[in-house]
Amino acid sequence: MTREEAVAVLKAFMENPLFGDTHKAAFNIAIHDIKAYHKWNLNELVLTQKDNEQEPILDKLRAEILEEHENAYAREDNDTAYGLSVALEIIDKYKAETEETDGTNKQA
């Protein structure tokens, strides 16, 4: 079932006389949350900049974190370097998942 279909079903329930005001309020909340989830979907929100530039935000984040990682490694700040390497791994994981979803998975 798509989000649109779920919203249509909930709206139809709201018109059913067997449901009272409490049920209708619950249906309205569910409709609101379905629409809000769609708007805040991580893949749509985070991976492209607001001005629709072509360079994904994850690439910019990764580059900046990588630079900080290299600086921490050069300072022999192992705790910071380790934390930043974990952050890089997380970004790489989500980037790979997004590329698979978008059909743009590039084999190395």
PDB file of N, CA and C in Angstrom:
ATOM      1  N   MET A   1       0.848  -1.171   0.000  1.00  0.00           N
ATOM      2  CA  MET A   1       0.000   0.000   0.000  1.00  0.00           C
ATOM      3  C   MET A   1       0.894   1.235   0.000  1.00  0.00           C
ATOM      4  N   THR A   2       0.559   2.182  -0.841  1.00  0.00           N
ATOM      5  CA  THR A   2       1.317   3.423  -0.882  1.00  0.00           C
ATOM      6  C   THR A   2       0.816   4.369   0.197  1.00  0.00           C
ATOM      7  N   ARG A   3       1.576   5.431   0.427  1.00  0.00           N
ATOM      8  CA  ARG A   3       1.136   6.452   1.386  1.00  0.00           C
ATOM      9  C   ARG A   3      -0.184   7.073   0.954  1.00  0.00           C
ATOM     10  N   GLU A   4      -0.310   7.332  -0.348  1.00  0.00           N
ATOM     11  CA  GLU A   4      -1.516   7.956  -0.862  1.00  0.00           C
ATOM     12  C   GLU A   4      -2.735   7.049  -0.647  1.00  0.00           C
ATOM     13  N   GLU A   5      -2.543   5.764  -0.849  1.00  0.00           N
ATOM     14  CA  GLU A   5      -3.643   4.816  -0.626  1.00  0.00           C
ATOM     15  C   GLU A   5      -4.025   4.766   0.850  1.00  0.00           C
ATOM     16  N   ALA A   6      -3.027   4.792   1.721  1.00  0.00           N
ATOM     17  CA  ALA A   6      -3.306   4.773   3.163  1.00  0.00           C
ATOM     18  C   ALA A   6      -4.091   6.011   3.576  1.00  0.00           C
ATOM     19  N   VAL A   7      -3.708   7.170   3.046  1.00  0.00           N
ATOM     20  CA  VAL A   7      -4.424   8.405   3.355  1.00  0.00           C
ATOM     21  C   VAL A   7      -5.863   8.319   2.849  1.00  0.00           C
ATOM     22  N   ALA A   8      -6.055   7.766   1.655  1.00  0.00           N
ATOM     23  CA  ALA A   8      -7.407   7.629   1.098  1.00  0.00           C
ATOM     24  C   ALA A   8      -8.277   6.733   1.972  1.00  0.00           C
ATOM     25  N   VAL A   9      -7.701   5.639   2.467  1.00  0.00           N
ATOM     26  CA  VAL A   9      -8.455   4.734   3.340  1.00  0.00           C
ATOM     27  C   VAL A   9      -8.838   5.440   4.635  1.00  0.00           C
ATOM     28  N   LEU A  10      -7.893   6.151   5.220  1.00  0.00           N
ATOM     29  CA  LEU A  10      -8.185   6.859   6.471  1.00  0.00           C
ATOM     30  C   LEU A  10      -9.241   7.946   6.265  1.00  0.00           C
ATOM     31  N   LYS A  11      -9.197   8.634   5.147  1.00  0.00           N
ATOM     32  CA  LYS A  11     -10.214   9.644   4.860  1.00  0.00           C
ATOM     33  C   LYS A  11     -11.583   9.001   4.693  1.00  0.00           C
ATOM     34  N   ALA A  12     -11.618   7.836   4.077  1.00  0.00           N
ATOM     35  CA  ALA A  12     -12.890   7.123   3.925  1.00  0.00           C
ATOM     36  C   ALA A  12     -13.439   6.701   5.286  1.00  0.00           C
ATOM     37  N   PHE A  13     -12.570   6.263   6.187  1.00  0.00           N
ATOM     38  CA  PHE A  13     -13.011   5.922   7.543  1.00  0.00           C
ATOM     39  C   PHE A  13     -13.628   7.131   8.233  1.00  0.00           C
ATOM     40  N   MET A  14     -13.070   8.302   7.993  1.00  0.00           N
ATOM     41  CA  MET A  14     -13.569   9.512   8.647  1.00  0.00           C
ATOM     42  C   MET A  14     -15.007   9.820   8.223  1.00  0.00           C
ATOM     43  N   GLU A  15     -15.384   9.399   7.026  1.00  0.00           N
ATOM     44  CA  GLU A  15     -16.744   9.647   6.535  1.00  0.00           C
ATOM     45  C   GLU A  15     -17.732   8.591   7.016  1.00  0.00           C
ATOM     46  N   ASN A  16     -17.253   7.514   7.594  1.00  0.00           N
ATOM     47  CA  ASN A  16     -18.113   6.436   8.080  1.00  0.00           C
ATOM     48  C   ASN A  16     -18.800   6.882   9.368  1.00  0.00           C
ATOM     49  N   PRO A  17     -20.147   6.831   9.403  1.00  0.00           N
ATOM     50  CA  PRO A  17     -20.871   7.289  10.593  1.00  0.00           C
ATOM     51  C   PRO A  17     -20.648   6.415  11.825  1.00  0.00           C
ATOM     52  N   LEU A  18     -20.076   5.249  11.668  1.00  0.00           N
ATOM     53  CA  LEU A  18     -19.814   4.378  12.817  1.00  0.00           C
ATOM     54  C   LEU A  18     -18.650   4.892  13.670  1.00  0.00           C
ATOM     55  N   PHE A  19     -17.842   5.773  13.105  1.00  0.00           N
ATOM     56  CA  PHE A  19     -16.714   6.307  13.846  1.00  0.00           C
ATOM     57  C   PHE A  19     -17.069   7.673  14.425  1.00  0.00           C
ATOM     58  N   GLY A  20     -16.696   7.864  15.677  1.00  0.00           N
ATOM     59  CA  GLY A  20     -16.985   9.110  16.371  1.00  0.00           C
ATOM     60  C   GLY A  20     -15.865  10.118  16.231  1.00  0.00           C
ATOM     61  N   ASP A  21     -15.993  11.221  16.972  1.00  0.00           N
ATOM     62  CA  ASP A  21     -15.006  12.307  16.902  1.00  0.00           C
ATOM     63  C   ASP A  21     -13.618  11.859  17.358  1.00  0.00           C
ATOM     64  N   THR A  22     -13.569  10.980  18.352  1.00  0.00           N
ATOM     65  CA  THR A  22     -12.275  10.483  18.834  1.00  0.00           C
ATOM     66  C   THR A  22     -11.563   9.709  17.740  1.00  0.00           C
ATOM     67  N   HIS A  23     -12.310   8.869  17.029  1.00  0.00           N
ATOM     68  CA  HIS A  23     -11.717   8.104  15.929  1.00  0.00           C
ATOM     69  C   HIS A  23     -11.248   9.045  14.821  1.00  0.00           C
ATOM     70  N   LYS A  24     -12.088  10.039  14.511  1.00  0.00           N
ATOM     71  CA  LYS A  24     -11.738  10.973  13.447  1.00  0.00           C
ATOM     72  C   LYS A  24     -10.475  11.765  13.794  1.00  0.00           C
ATOM     73  N   ALA A  25     -10.331  12.122  15.066  1.00  0.00           N
ATOM     74  CA  ALA A  25      -9.115  12.815  15.496  1.00  0.00           C
ATOM     75  C   ALA A  25      -7.897  11.914  15.312  1.00  0.00           C
ATOM     76  N   ALA A  26      -8.051  10.639  15.645  1.00  0.00           N
ATOM     77  CA  ALA A  26      -6.952   9.681  15.464  1.00  0.00           C
ATOM     78  C   ALA A  26      -6.604   9.517  13.987  1.00  0.00           C
ATOM     79  N   PHE A  27      -7.627   9.461  13.132  1.00  0.00           N
ATOM     80  CA  PHE A  27      -7.373   9.348  11.693  1.00  0.00           C
ATOM     81  C   PHE A  27      -6.642  10.579  11.169  1.00  0.00           C
ATOM     82  N   ASN A  28      -7.042  11.767  11.651  1.00  0.00           N
ATOM     83  CA  ASN A  28      -6.366  13.002  11.233  1.00  0.00           C
ATOM     84  C   ASN A  28      -4.901  12.999  11.640  1.00  0.00           C
ATOM     85  N   ILE A  29      -4.624  12.516  12.847  1.00  0.00           N
ATOM     86  CA  ILE A  29      -3.240  12.426  13.306  1.00  0.00           C
ATOM     87  C   ILE A  29      -2.448  11.472  12.421  1.00  0.00           C
ATOM     88  N   ALA A  30      -3.048  10.333  12.105  1.00  0.00           N
ATOM     89  CA  ALA A  30      -2.366   9.349  11.253  1.00  0.00           C
ATOM     90  C   ALA A  30      -2.092   9.929   9.870  1.00  0.00           C
ATOM     91  N   ILE A  31      -3.071  10.640   9.306  1.00  0.00           N
ATOM     92  CA  ILE A  31      -2.882  11.259   7.986  1.00  0.00           C
ATOM     93  C   ILE A  31      -1.753  12.281   8.052  1.00  0.00           C
ATOM     94  N   HIS A  32      -1.765  13.101   9.086  1.00  0.00           N
ATOM     95  CA  HIS A  32      -0.713  14.105   9.250  1.00  0.00           C
ATOM     96  C   HIS A  32       0.655  13.445   9.332  1.00  0.00           C
ATOM     97  N   ASP A  33       0.760  12.386  10.142  1.00  0.00           N
ATOM     98  CA  ASP A  33       2.050  11.714  10.318  1.00  0.00           C
ATOM     99  C   ASP A  33       2.525  11.044   9.035  1.00  0.00           C
ATOM    100  N   ILE A  34       1.604  10.467   8.277  1.00  0.00           N
ATOM    101  CA  ILE A  34       1.984   9.843   7.006  1.00  0.00           C
ATOM    102  C   ILE A  34       2.560  10.893   6.070  1.00  0.00           C
ATOM    103  N   LYS A  35       1.885  12.041   5.976  1.00  0.00           N
ATOM    104  CA  LYS A  35       2.370  13.110   5.098  1.00  0.00           C
ATOM    105  C   LYS A  35       3.684  13.688   5.611  1.00  0.00           C
ATOM    106  N   ALA A  36       3.805  13.850   6.922  1.00  0.00           N
ATOM    107  CA  ALA A  36       5.044  14.396   7.495  1.00  0.00           C
ATOM    108  C   ALA A  36       6.205  13.446   7.263  1.00  0.00           C
ATOM    109  N   TYR A  37       5.986  12.150   7.432  1.00  0.00           N
ATOM    110  CA  TYR A  37       7.051  11.171   7.210  1.00  0.00           C
ATOM    111  C   TYR A  37       7.543  11.252   5.769  1.00  0.00           C
ATOM    112  N   HIS A  38       6.614  11.393   4.862  1.00  0.00           N
ATOM    113  CA  HIS A  38       6.988  11.481   3.448  1.00  0.00           C
ATOM    114  C   HIS A  38       7.867  12.707   3.204  1.00  0.00           C
ATOM    115  N   LYS A  39       7.523  13.829   3.831  1.00  0.00           N
ATOM    116  CA  LYS A  39       8.299  15.060   3.647  1.00  0.00           C
ATOM    117  C   LYS A  39       9.675  14.959   4.286  1.00  0.00           C
ATOM    118  N   TRP A  40       9.782  14.220   5.380  1.00  0.00           N
ATOM    119  CA  TRP A  40      11.049  14.152   6.107  1.00  0.00           C
ATOM    120  C   TRP A  40      11.826  12.881   5.808  1.00  0.00           C
ATOM    121  N   ASN A  41      11.461  12.194   4.754  1.00  0.00           N
ATOM    122  CA  ASN A  41      12.164  10.986   4.359  1.00  0.00           C
ATOM    123  C   ASN A  41      13.654  11.316   4.205  1.00  0.00           C
ATOM    124  N   LEU A  42      14.493  10.596   4.892  1.00  0.00           N
ATOM    125  CA  LEU A  42      15.922  10.893   4.937  1.00  0.00           C
ATOM    126  C   LEU A  42      16.547  10.982   3.549  1.00  0.00           C
ATOM    127  N   ASN A  43      16.162  10.085   2.677  1.00  0.00           N
ATOM    128  CA  ASN A  43      16.766  10.092   1.349  1.00  0.00           C
ATOM    129  C   ASN A  43      16.428  11.360   0.582  1.00  0.00           C
ATOM    130  N   GLU A  44      15.233  11.887   0.762  1.00  0.00           N
ATOM    131  CA  GLU A  44      14.848  13.098   0.050  1.00  0.00           C
ATOM    132  C   GLU A  44      15.416  14.339   0.720  1.00  0.00           C
ATOM    133  N   LEU A  45      15.538  14.321   2.031  1.00  0.00           N
ATOM    134  CA  LEU A  45      15.915  15.516   2.778  1.00  0.00           C
ATOM    135  C   LEU A  45      17.420  15.757   2.798  1.00  0.00           C
ATOM    136  N   VAL A  46      18.193  14.732   3.020  1.00  0.00           N
ATOM    137  CA  VAL A  46      19.596  14.927   3.340  1.00  0.00           C
ATOM    138  C   VAL A  46      20.524  14.857   2.138  1.00  0.00           C
ATOM    139  N   LEU A  47      20.196  14.089   1.158  1.00  0.00           N
ATOM    140  CA  LEU A  47      21.195  13.781   0.146  1.00  0.00           C
ATOM    141  C   LEU A  47      21.329  14.821  -0.959  1.00  0.00           C
ATOM    142  N   THR A  48      20.441  15.777  -1.037  1.00  0.00           N
ATOM    143  CA  THR A  48      20.533  16.812  -2.049  1.00  0.00           C
ATOM    144  C   THR A  48      20.424  18.160  -1.375  1.00  0.00           C
ATOM    145  N   GLN A  49      21.225  19.097  -1.790  1.00  0.00           N
ATOM    146  CA  GLN A  49      21.200  20.421  -1.188  1.00  0.00           C
ATOM    147  C   GLN A  49      19.927  21.159  -1.580  1.00  0.00           C
ATOM    148  N   LYS A  50      19.581  22.160  -0.778  1.00  0.00           N
ATOM    149  CA  LYS A  50      18.356  22.924  -1.004  1.00  0.00           C
ATOM    150  C   LYS A  50      18.333  23.598  -2.367  1.00  0.00           C
ATOM    151  N   ASP A  51      19.466  24.081  -2.805  1.00  0.00           N
ATOM    152  CA  ASP A  51      19.494  24.791  -4.082  1.00  0.00           C
ATOM    153  C   ASP A  51      19.645  23.836  -5.258  1.00  0.00           C
ATOM    154  N   ASN A  52      19.436  22.536  -5.006  1.00  0.00           N
ATOM    155  CA  ASN A  52      19.429  21.503  -6.046  1.00  0.00           C
ATOM    156  C   ASN A  52      20.743  21.406  -6.813  1.00  0.00           C
ATOM    157  N   GLU A  53      21.847  21.702  -6.143  1.00  0.00           N
ATOM    158  CA  GLU A  53      23.142  21.475  -6.767  1.00  0.00           C
ATOM    159  C   GLU A  53      23.310  19.985  -6.989  1.00  0.00           C
ATOM    160  N   GLN A  54      24.179  19.638  -7.889  1.00  0.00           N
ATOM    161  CA  GLN A  54      24.372  18.236  -8.228  1.00  0.00           C
ATOM    162  C   GLN A  54      25.186  17.470  -7.184  1.00  0.00           C
ATOM    163  N   GLU A  55      26.054  18.153  -6.453  1.00  0.00           N
ATOM    164  CA  GLU A  55      26.926  17.468  -5.496  1.00  0.00           C
ATOM    165  C   GLU A  55      26.144  17.129  -4.227  1.00  0.00           C
ATOM    166  N   PRO A  56      25.996  15.843  -3.918  1.00  0.00           N
ATOM    167  CA  PRO A  56      25.247  15.461  -2.722  1.00  0.00           C
ATOM    168  C   PRO A  56      25.925  15.939  -1.437  1.00  0.00           C
ATOM    169  N   ILE A  57      25.129  16.223  -0.456  1.00  0.00           N
ATOM    170  CA  ILE A  57      25.627  16.695   0.829  1.00  0.00           C
ATOM    171  C   ILE A  57      26.532  15.650   1.485  1.00  0.00           C
ATOM    172  N   LEU A  58      26.201  14.371   1.344  1.00  0.00           N
ATOM    173  CA  LEU A  58      27.041  13.348   1.964  1.00  0.00           C
ATOM    174  C   LEU A  58      28.474  13.412   1.452  1.00  0.00           C
ATOM    175  N   ASP A  59      28.654  13.744   0.186  1.00  0.00           N
ATOM    176  CA  ASP A  59      30.015  13.863  -0.353  1.00  0.00           C
ATOM    177  C   ASP A  59      30.768  15.012   0.310  1.00  0.00           C
ATOM    178  N   LYS A  60      30.072  16.132   0.512  1.00  0.00           N
ATOM    179  CA  LYS A  60      30.717  17.270   1.170  1.00  0.00           C
ATOM    180  C   LYS A  60      31.045  16.943   2.625  1.00  0.00           C
ATOM    181  N   LEU A  61      30.094  16.301   3.316  1.00  0.00           N
ATOM    182  CA  LEU A  61      30.344  15.902   4.706  1.00  0.00           C
ATOM    183  C   LEU A  61      31.533  14.948   4.788  1.00  0.00           C
ATOM    184  N   ARG A  62      31.568  13.983   3.893  1.00  0.00           N
ATOM    185  CA  ARG A  62      32.637  12.996   3.913  1.00  0.00           C
ATOM    186  C   ARG A  62      33.991  13.662   3.687  1.00  0.00           C
ATOM    187  N   ALA A  63      34.059  14.583   2.748  1.00  0.00           N
ATOM    188  CA  ALA A  63      35.321  15.269   2.456  1.00  0.00           C
ATOM    189  C   ALA A  63      35.807  16.069   3.660  1.00  0.00           C
ATOM    190  N   GLU A  64      34.892  16.756   4.319  1.00  0.00           N
ATOM    191  CA  GLU A  64      35.283  17.562   5.481  1.00  0.00           C
ATOM    192  C   GLU A  64      35.717  16.671   6.643  1.00  0.00           C
ATOM    193  N   ILE A  65      34.989  15.590   6.883  1.00  0.00           N
ATOM    194  CA  ILE A  65      35.352  14.673   7.971  1.00  0.00           C
ATOM    195  C   ILE A  65      36.684  13.986   7.656  1.00  0.00           C
ATOM    196  N   LEU A  66      36.895  13.621   6.396  1.00  0.00           N
ATOM    197  CA  LEU A  66      38.157  12.994   6.005  1.00  0.00           C
ATOM    198  C   LEU A  66      39.330  13.932   6.266  1.00  0.00           C
ATOM    199  N   GLU A  67      39.157  15.205   5.960  1.00  0.00           N
ATOM    200  CA  GLU A  67      40.223  16.181   6.220  1.00  0.00           C
ATOM    201  C   GLU A  67      40.518  16.266   7.723  1.00  0.00           C
ATOM    202  N   GLU A  68      39.475  16.318   8.534  1.00  0.00           N
ATOM    203  CA  GLU A  68      39.666  16.361   9.987  1.00  0.00           C
ATOM    204  C   GLU A  68      40.305  15.069  10.495  1.00  0.00           C
ATOM    205  N   HIS A  69      39.927  13.952   9.900  1.00  0.00           N
ATOM    206  CA  HIS A  69      40.506  12.657  10.273  1.00  0.00           C
ATOM    207  C   HIS A  69      42.010  12.654  10.005  1.00  0.00           C
ATOM    208  N   GLU A  70      42.399  13.138   8.832  1.00  0.00           N
ATOM    209  CA  GLU A  70      43.824  13.183   8.485  1.00  0.00           C
ATOM    210  C   GLU A  70      44.587  14.122   9.427  1.00  0.00           C
ATOM    211  N   ASN A  71      43.971  15.248   9.779  1.00  0.00           N
ATOM    212  CA  ASN A  71      44.613  16.181  10.719  1.00  0.00           C
ATOM    213  C   ASN A  71      44.783  15.535  12.098  1.00  0.00           C
ATOM    214  N   ALA A  72      43.762  14.847  12.572  1.00  0.00           N
ATOM    215  CA  ALA A  72      43.830  14.183  13.880  1.00  0.00           C
ATOM    216  C   ALA A  72      44.896  13.084  13.853  1.00  0.00           C
ATOM    217  N   TYR A  73      44.968  12.357  12.753  1.00  0.00           N
ATOM    218  CA  TYR A  73      45.967  11.299  12.621  1.00  0.00           C
ATOM    219  C   TYR A  73      47.378  11.896  12.642  1.00  0.00           C
ATOM    220  N   ALA A  74      47.556  13.018  11.959  1.00  0.00           N
ATOM    221  CA  ALA A  74      48.868  13.683  11.929  1.00  0.00           C
ATOM    222  C   ALA A  74      49.261  14.190  13.318  1.00  0.00           C
ATOM    223  N   ARG A  75      48.273  14.614  14.115  1.00  0.00           N
ATOM    224  CA  ARG A  75      48.539  15.091  15.486  1.00  0.00           C
ATOM    225  C   ARG A  75      48.694  13.928  16.467  1.00  0.00           C
ATOM    226  N   GLU A  76      48.513  12.718  15.949  1.00  0.00           N
ATOM    227  CA  GLU A  76      48.531  11.506  16.766  1.00  0.00           C
ATOM    228  C   GLU A  76      47.435  11.537  17.838  1.00  0.00           C
ATOM    229  N   ASP A  77      46.314  12.158  17.479  1.00  0.00           N
ATOM    230  CA  ASP A  77      45.126  12.182  18.334  1.00  0.00           C
ATOM    231  C   ASP A  77      44.280  10.972  17.944  1.00  0.00           C
ATOM    232  N   ASN A  78      44.662   9.818  18.478  1.00  0.00           N
ATOM    233  CA  ASN A  78      44.072   8.556  18.059  1.00  0.00           C
ATOM    234  C   ASN A  78      42.581   8.440  18.375  1.00  0.00           C
ATOM    235  N   ASP A  79      42.159   8.987  19.516  1.00  0.00           N
ATOM    236  CA  ASP A  79      40.735   8.907  19.860  1.00  0.00           C
ATOM    237  C   ASP A  79      39.878   9.662  18.851  1.00  0.00           C
ATOM    238  N   THR A  80      40.300  10.864  18.515  1.00  0.00           N
ATOM    239  CA  THR A  80      39.560  11.660  17.530  1.00  0.00           C
ATOM    240  C   THR A  80      39.621  11.004  16.160  1.00  0.00           C
ATOM    241  N   ALA A  81      40.797  10.527  15.769  1.00  0.00           N
ATOM    242  CA  ALA A  81      40.953   9.873  14.471  1.00  0.00           C
ATOM    243  C   ALA A  81      40.043   8.653  14.381  1.00  0.00           C
ATOM    244  N   TYR A  82      39.977   7.875  15.459  1.00  0.00           N
ATOM    245  CA  TYR A  82      39.116   6.698  15.464  1.00  0.00           C
ATOM    246  C   TYR A  82      37.643   7.107  15.324  1.00  0.00           C
ATOM    247  N   GLY A  83      37.223   8.088  16.083  1.00  0.00           N
ATOM    248  CA  GLY A  83      35.832   8.546  16.014  1.00  0.00           C
ATOM    249  C   GLY A  83      35.468   9.040  14.620  1.00  0.00           C
ATOM    250  N   LEU A  84      36.374   9.771  14.007  1.00  0.00           N
ATOM    251  CA  LEU A  84      36.115  10.268  12.664  1.00  0.00           C
ATOM    252  C   LEU A  84      36.106   9.136  11.634  1.00  0.00           C
ATOM    253  N   SER A  85      36.936   8.114  11.853  1.00  0.00           N
ATOM    254  CA  SER A  85      36.916   6.973  10.924  1.00  0.00           C
ATOM    255  C   SER A  85      35.584   6.231  11.013  1.00  0.00           C
ATOM    256  N   VAL A  86      35.025   6.151  12.213  1.00  0.00           N
ATOM    257  CA  VAL A  86      33.706   5.540  12.380  1.00  0.00           C
ATOM    258  C   VAL A  86      32.655   6.373  11.649  1.00  0.00           C
ATOM    259  N   ALA A  87      32.745   7.688  11.772  1.00  0.00           N
ATOM    260  CA  ALA A  87      31.810   8.571  11.069  1.00  0.00           C
ATOM    261  C   ALA A  87      31.911   8.372   9.559  1.00  0.00           C
ATOM    262  N   LEU A  88      33.123   8.231   9.046  1.00  0.00           N
ATOM    263  CA  LEU A  88      33.306   7.991   7.610  1.00  0.00           C
ATOM    264  C   LEU A  88      32.669   6.671   7.184  1.00  0.00           C
ATOM    265  N   GLU A  89      32.814   5.641   8.006  1.00  0.00           N
ATOM    266  CA  GLU A  89      32.206   4.352   7.696  1.00  0.00           C
ATOM    267  C   GLU A  89      30.675   4.459   7.647  1.00  0.00           C
ATOM    268  N   ILE A  90      30.109   5.214   8.561  1.00  0.00           N
ATOM    269  CA  ILE A  90      28.651   5.389   8.591  1.00  0.00           C
ATOM    270  C   ILE A  90      28.186   6.125   7.335  1.00  0.00           C
ATOM    271  N   ILE A  91      28.896   7.182   6.963  1.00  0.00           N
ATOM    272  CA  ILE A  91      28.531   7.917   5.754  1.00  0.00           C
ATOM    273  C   ILE A  91      28.633   7.012   4.533  1.00  0.00           C
ATOM    274  N   ASP A  92      29.701   6.237   4.447  1.00  0.00           N
ATOM    275  CA  ASP A  92      29.873   5.328   3.314  1.00  0.00           C
ATOM    276  C   ASP A  92      28.736   4.308   3.247  1.00  0.00           C
ATOM    277  N   LYS A  93      28.301   3.827   4.411  1.00  0.00           N
ATOM    278  CA  LYS A  93      27.205   2.855   4.469  1.00  0.00           C
ATOM    279  C   LYS A  93      25.926   3.466   3.898  1.00  0.00           C
ATOM    280  N   TYR A  94      25.574   4.660   4.350  1.00  0.00           N
ATOM    281  CA  TYR A  94      24.340   5.287   3.883  1.00  0.00           C
ATOM    282  C   TYR A  94      24.441   5.727   2.428  1.00  0.00           C
ATOM    283  N   LYS A  95      25.614   6.126   2.011  1.00  0.00           N
ATOM    284  CA  LYS A  95      25.793   6.507   0.616  1.00  0.00           C
ATOM    285  C   LYS A  95      25.610   5.290  -0.281  1.00  0.00           C
ATOM    286  N   ALA A  96      26.177   4.151   0.110  1.00  0.00           N
ATOM    287  CA  ALA A  96      26.027   2.925  -0.675  1.00  0.00           C
ATOM    288  C   ALA A  96      24.559   2.500  -0.734  1.00  0.00           C
ATOM    289  N   GLU A  97      23.848   2.587   0.389  1.00  0.00           N
ATOM    290  CA  GLU A  97      22.431   2.228   0.407  1.00  0.00           C
ATOM    291  C   GLU A  97      21.635   3.146  -0.515  1.00  0.00           C
ATOM    292  N   THR A  98      21.949   4.425  -0.498  1.00  0.00           N
ATOM    293  CA  THR A  98      21.243   5.387  -1.335  1.00  0.00           C
ATOM    294  C   THR A  98      21.520   5.121  -2.805  1.00  0.00           C
ATOM    295  N   GLU A  99      22.755   4.825  -3.130  1.00  0.00           N
ATOM    296  CA  GLU A  99      23.096   4.546  -4.520  1.00  0.00           C
ATOM    297  C   GLU A  99      22.403   3.290  -5.009  1.00  0.00           C
ATOM    298  N   GLU A 100      22.274   2.280  -4.143  1.00  0.00           N
ATOM    299  CA  GLU A 100      21.556   1.070  -4.519  1.00  0.00           C
ATOM    300  C   GLU A 100      20.081   1.375  -4.766  1.00  0.00           C
ATOM    301  N   THR A 101      19.500   2.206  -3.904  1.00  0.00           N
ATOM    302  CA  THR A 101      18.095   2.576  -4.030  1.00  0.00           C
ATOM    303  C   THR A 101      17.861   3.384  -5.291  1.00  0.00           C
ATOM    304  N   ASP A 102      18.785   4.289  -5.598  1.00  0.00           N
ATOM    305  CA  ASP A 102      18.645   5.154  -6.769  1.00  0.00           C
ATOM    306  C   ASP A 102      19.025   4.443  -8.053  1.00  0.00           C
ATOM    307  N   GLY A 103      19.634   3.274  -7.931  1.00  0.00           N
ATOM    308  CA  GLY A 103      20.092   2.571  -9.118  1.00  0.00           C
ATOM    309  C   GLY A 103      21.377   3.136  -9.679  1.00  0.00           C
ATOM    310  N   THR A 104      22.100   3.878  -8.846  1.00  0.00           N
ATOM    311  CA  THR A 104      23.350   4.475  -9.307  1.00  0.00           C
ATOM    312  C   THR A 104      24.544   3.850  -8.627  1.00  0.00           C
ATOM    313  N   ASN A 105      24.395   2.621  -8.157  1.00  0.00           N
ATOM    314  CA  ASN A 105      25.485   1.954  -7.454  1.00  0.00           C
ATOM    315  C   ASN A 105      26.653   1.755  -8.410  1.00  0.00           C
ATOM    316  N   LYS A 106      27.781   2.317  -8.075  1.00  0.00           N
ATOM    317  CA  LYS A 106      28.964   2.264  -8.920  1.00  0.00           C
ATOM    318  C   LYS A 106      29.930   1.237  -8.355  1.00  0.00           C
ATOM    319  N   GLN A 107      30.296   0.276  -9.144  1.00  0.00           N
ATOM    320  CA  GLN A 107      31.254  -0.728  -8.714  1.00  0.00           C
ATOM    321  C   GLN A 107      32.666  -0.177  -8.828  1.00  0.00           C
ATOM    322  N   ALA A 108      33.482  -0.417  -7.797  1.00  0.00           N
ATOM    323  CA  ALA A 108      34.867   0.088  -7.816  1.00  0.00           C
ATOM    324  C   ALA A 108      35.739  -0.799  -8.653  1.00  0.00           C
TER     325      ALA A 108
END
